[in-house]
Amino acid sequence: MTKPAGEIIKDIKKRYDKDKDNWSILGGKDTKGHYDTFIAQPPRLWQIKSEPINPFQAIGLGIGPTRNIDEEIQRAVMKLGKPINFQALFPQPKDNSAIFVRGIERFSTTATNRLKKEYDNKQHKVDSKLTKELEELVNKKYPSRKTMYL
């Protein structure tokens, strides 16, 4: 089931506050230009798919945690890519607050695509579902973006 990115981050933060060991973040872009962010604490893995709305704001959806990927493969893939600074603000509309996330992630489109391929057929469907739902959400909230560059 997909959820807004803020809800996924809230769940991750609760887990992180209990156990701060073995976390990693891997980012990349899919073929449509959306950002894929994988957050892992093996054997758990979350995926957030997002699209920038402007230089200061993005909109995203996610799933997780999932456990249907081999832990060794997950650990190896999550170490690929170039390390870059990562920071994001995730609004929490229910209590009018926000969660600020900051750290180092690895960025590699090749690695995120490989990670998606390692999942079973359900993951392909999940990635397609995230893409479709994100595009619908962006078109609903920001309809002018569709014709912005025509």
Protein backbone atom coordinates (compact mmCIF):
# COMPACT_ATOMS: atom_id res chain seq x y z
CA MET A 1 0.00 0.00 0.00
CA THR A 2 1.40 3.39 -0.96
CA LYS A 3 1.53 6.23 1.54
CA PRO A 4 2.62 9.87 1.42
CA ALA A 5 6.39 10.21 1.83
CA GLY A 6 5.90 12.02 5.17
CA GLU A 7 4.13 8.97 6.66
CA ILE A 8 6.90 6.65 5.46
CA ILE A 9 9.54 8.92 7.02
CA LYS A 10 7.59 9.07 10.29
CA ASP A 11 7.64 5.25 10.46
CA ILE A 12 11.36 5.19 9.63
CA LYS A 13 12.11 7.82 12.29
CA LYS A 14 10.35 5.76 14.97
CA ARG A 15 12.48 2.75 14.05
CA TYR A 16 15.64 4.84 13.80
CA ASP A 17 15.08 6.35 17.26
CA LYS A 18 14.97 2.79 18.68
CA ASP A 19 17.94 1.42 16.70
CA LYS A 20 20.45 3.75 15.00
CA ASP A 21 22.70 1.02 13.54
CA ASN A 22 23.08 -0.22 9.95
CA TRP A 23 21.01 2.39 8.10
CA SER A 24 21.76 3.44 4.53
CA ILE A 25 20.18 5.57 1.81
CA LEU A 26 20.48 5.05 -1.94
CA GLY A 27 19.05 7.48 -4.48
CA GLY A 28 18.68 7.48 -8.23
CA LYS A 29 16.37 8.49 -11.06
CA ASP A 30 13.92 6.30 -12.93
CA THR A 31 13.34 6.40 -16.69
CA LYS A 32 10.65 9.09 -16.31
CA GLY A 33 12.91 11.39 -14.28
CA HIS A 34 11.34 10.73 -10.87
CA TYR A 35 13.67 10.30 -7.92
CA ASP A 36 13.83 6.86 -6.30
CA THR A 37 15.08 6.83 -2.74
CA PHE A 38 15.68 3.55 -0.94
CA ILE A 39 16.18 3.59 2.81
CA ALA A 40 17.43 0.38 4.34
CA GLN A 41 18.05 -1.22 7.66
CA PRO A 42 18.41 -4.85 6.62
CA PRO A 43 16.27 -6.82 6.26
CA ARG A 44 13.85 -3.88 5.97
CA LEU A 45 13.71 -1.67 2.89
CA TRP A 46 11.54 1.36 2.09
CA GLN A 47 11.12 3.05 -1.28
CA ILE A 48 10.08 6.67 -1.82
CA LYS A 49 9.40 7.97 -5.32
CA SER A 50 9.30 11.75 -5.63
CA GLU A 51 9.16 14.58 -8.11
CA PRO A 52 10.50 18.08 -7.54
CA ILE A 53 7.82 20.76 -7.72
CA ASN A 54 10.29 23.64 -7.44
CA PRO A 55 13.86 24.01 -6.14
CA PHE A 56 12.63 23.91 -2.54
CA GLN A 57 9.77 21.40 -2.61
CA ALA A 58 9.07 17.87 -3.80
CA ILE A 59 6.04 15.62 -3.66
CA GLY A 60 6.41 11.90 -3.03
CA LEU A 61 4.86 8.56 -2.22
CA GLY A 62 6.40 5.46 -0.75
CA ILE A 63 6.05 1.87 0.38
CA GLY A 64 7.61 -0.23 3.06
CA PRO A 65 9.02 -1.79 4.90
CA THR A 66 9.42 -4.75 2.58
CA ARG A 67 11.45 -7.83 3.35
CA ASN A 68 11.39 -9.79 0.11
CA ILE A 69 14.96 -9.12 -1.01
CA ASP A 70 18.10 -11.05 -0.21
CA GLU A 71 19.95 -9.30 2.61
CA GLU A 72 23.42 -9.79 1.09
CA ILE A 73 22.33 -8.34 -2.26
CA GLN A 74 20.62 -5.46 -0.50
CA ARG A 75 23.75 -4.64 1.53
CA ALA A 76 25.98 -4.80 -1.57
CA VAL A 77 23.74 -2.66 -3.79
CA MET A 78 23.15 -0.04 -1.09
CA LYS A 79 26.94 0.58 -1.01
CA LEU A 80 27.12 1.44 -4.72
CA GLY A 81 27.08 4.98 -6.06
CA LYS A 82 28.71 8.26 -5.21
CA PRO A 83 28.29 9.62 -1.69
CA ILE A 84 26.46 12.96 -1.64
CA ASN A 85 24.88 15.15 1.00
CA PHE A 86 21.21 14.41 1.55
CA GLN A 87 18.68 16.57 3.29
CA ALA A 88 14.92 16.83 3.08
CA LEU A 89 12.01 18.21 5.05
CA PHE A 90 8.93 15.99 5.33
CA PRO A 91 5.78 17.81 6.50
CA GLN A 92 3.57 15.98 9.00
CA PRO A 93 0.10 17.44 8.32
CA LYS A 94 -1.66 15.57 11.14
CA ASP A 95 0.18 17.47 13.86
CA ASN A 96 1.37 20.49 11.84
CA SER A 97 5.04 19.61 12.27
CA ALA A 98 7.86 18.35 10.04
CA ILE A 99 10.69 15.82 10.15
CA PHE A 100 14.06 17.04 8.90
CA VAL A 101 16.29 14.29 7.50
CA ARG A 102 19.97 14.92 6.89
CA GLY A 103 22.99 12.76 6.18
CA ILE A 104 25.00 11.11 3.43
CA GLU A 105 23.32 9.03 0.75
CA ARG A 106 24.76 7.21 -2.19
CA PHE A 107 23.46 8.21 -5.63
CA SER A 108 23.40 5.82 -8.57
CA THR A 109 20.60 5.29 -11.05
CA THR A 110 22.24 2.02 -12.07
CA ALA A 111 22.20 0.80 -8.46
CA THR A 112 18.56 1.78 -7.84
CA ASN A 113 17.53 0.02 -11.06
CA ARG A 114 19.48 -3.06 -9.99
CA LEU A 115 17.83 -3.02 -6.58
CA LYS A 116 14.39 -2.87 -8.20
CA LYS A 117 15.32 -5.82 -10.44
CA GLU A 118 16.33 -7.91 -7.41
CA TYR A 119 12.77 -7.80 -6.12
CA ASP A 120 10.25 -10.37 -7.21
CA ASN A 121 7.50 -9.51 -9.71
CA LYS A 122 5.58 -7.70 -6.98
CA GLN A 123 8.28 -5.03 -6.79
CA HIS A 124 7.98 -4.23 -10.49
CA LYS A 125 4.27 -3.80 -9.98
CA VAL A 126 4.91 -1.68 -6.88
CA ASP A 127 7.36 0.58 -8.73
CA SER A 128 4.90 0.99 -11.60
CA LYS A 129 2.10 1.69 -9.12
CA LEU A 130 4.21 4.31 -7.31
CA THR A 131 5.01 6.00 -10.62
CA LYS A 132 1.37 6.03 -11.74
CA GLU A 133 0.06 7.29 -8.38
CA LEU A 134 2.76 9.97 -8.15
CA GLU A 135 1.96 11.27 -11.64
CA GLU A 136 -1.76 11.34 -10.79
CA LEU A 137 -1.05 13.20 -7.54
CA VAL A 138 1.19 15.77 -9.24
CA ASN A 139 -1.37 16.31 -12.01
CA LYS A 140 -4.15 16.74 -9.44
CA LYS A 141 -2.27 19.13 -7.13
CA TYR A 142 -0.33 20.98 -9.83
CA PRO A 143 -2.34 20.74 -13.09
CA SER A 144 -0.45 23.63 -14.69
CA ARG A 145 2.78 21.58 -14.66
CA LYS A 146 1.40 19.37 -17.42
CA THR A 147 1.46 22.20 -19.97
CA MET A 148 4.20 24.26 -18.39
CA TYR A 149 6.75 23.79 -21.18
CA LEU A 150 4.57 23.51 -24.28
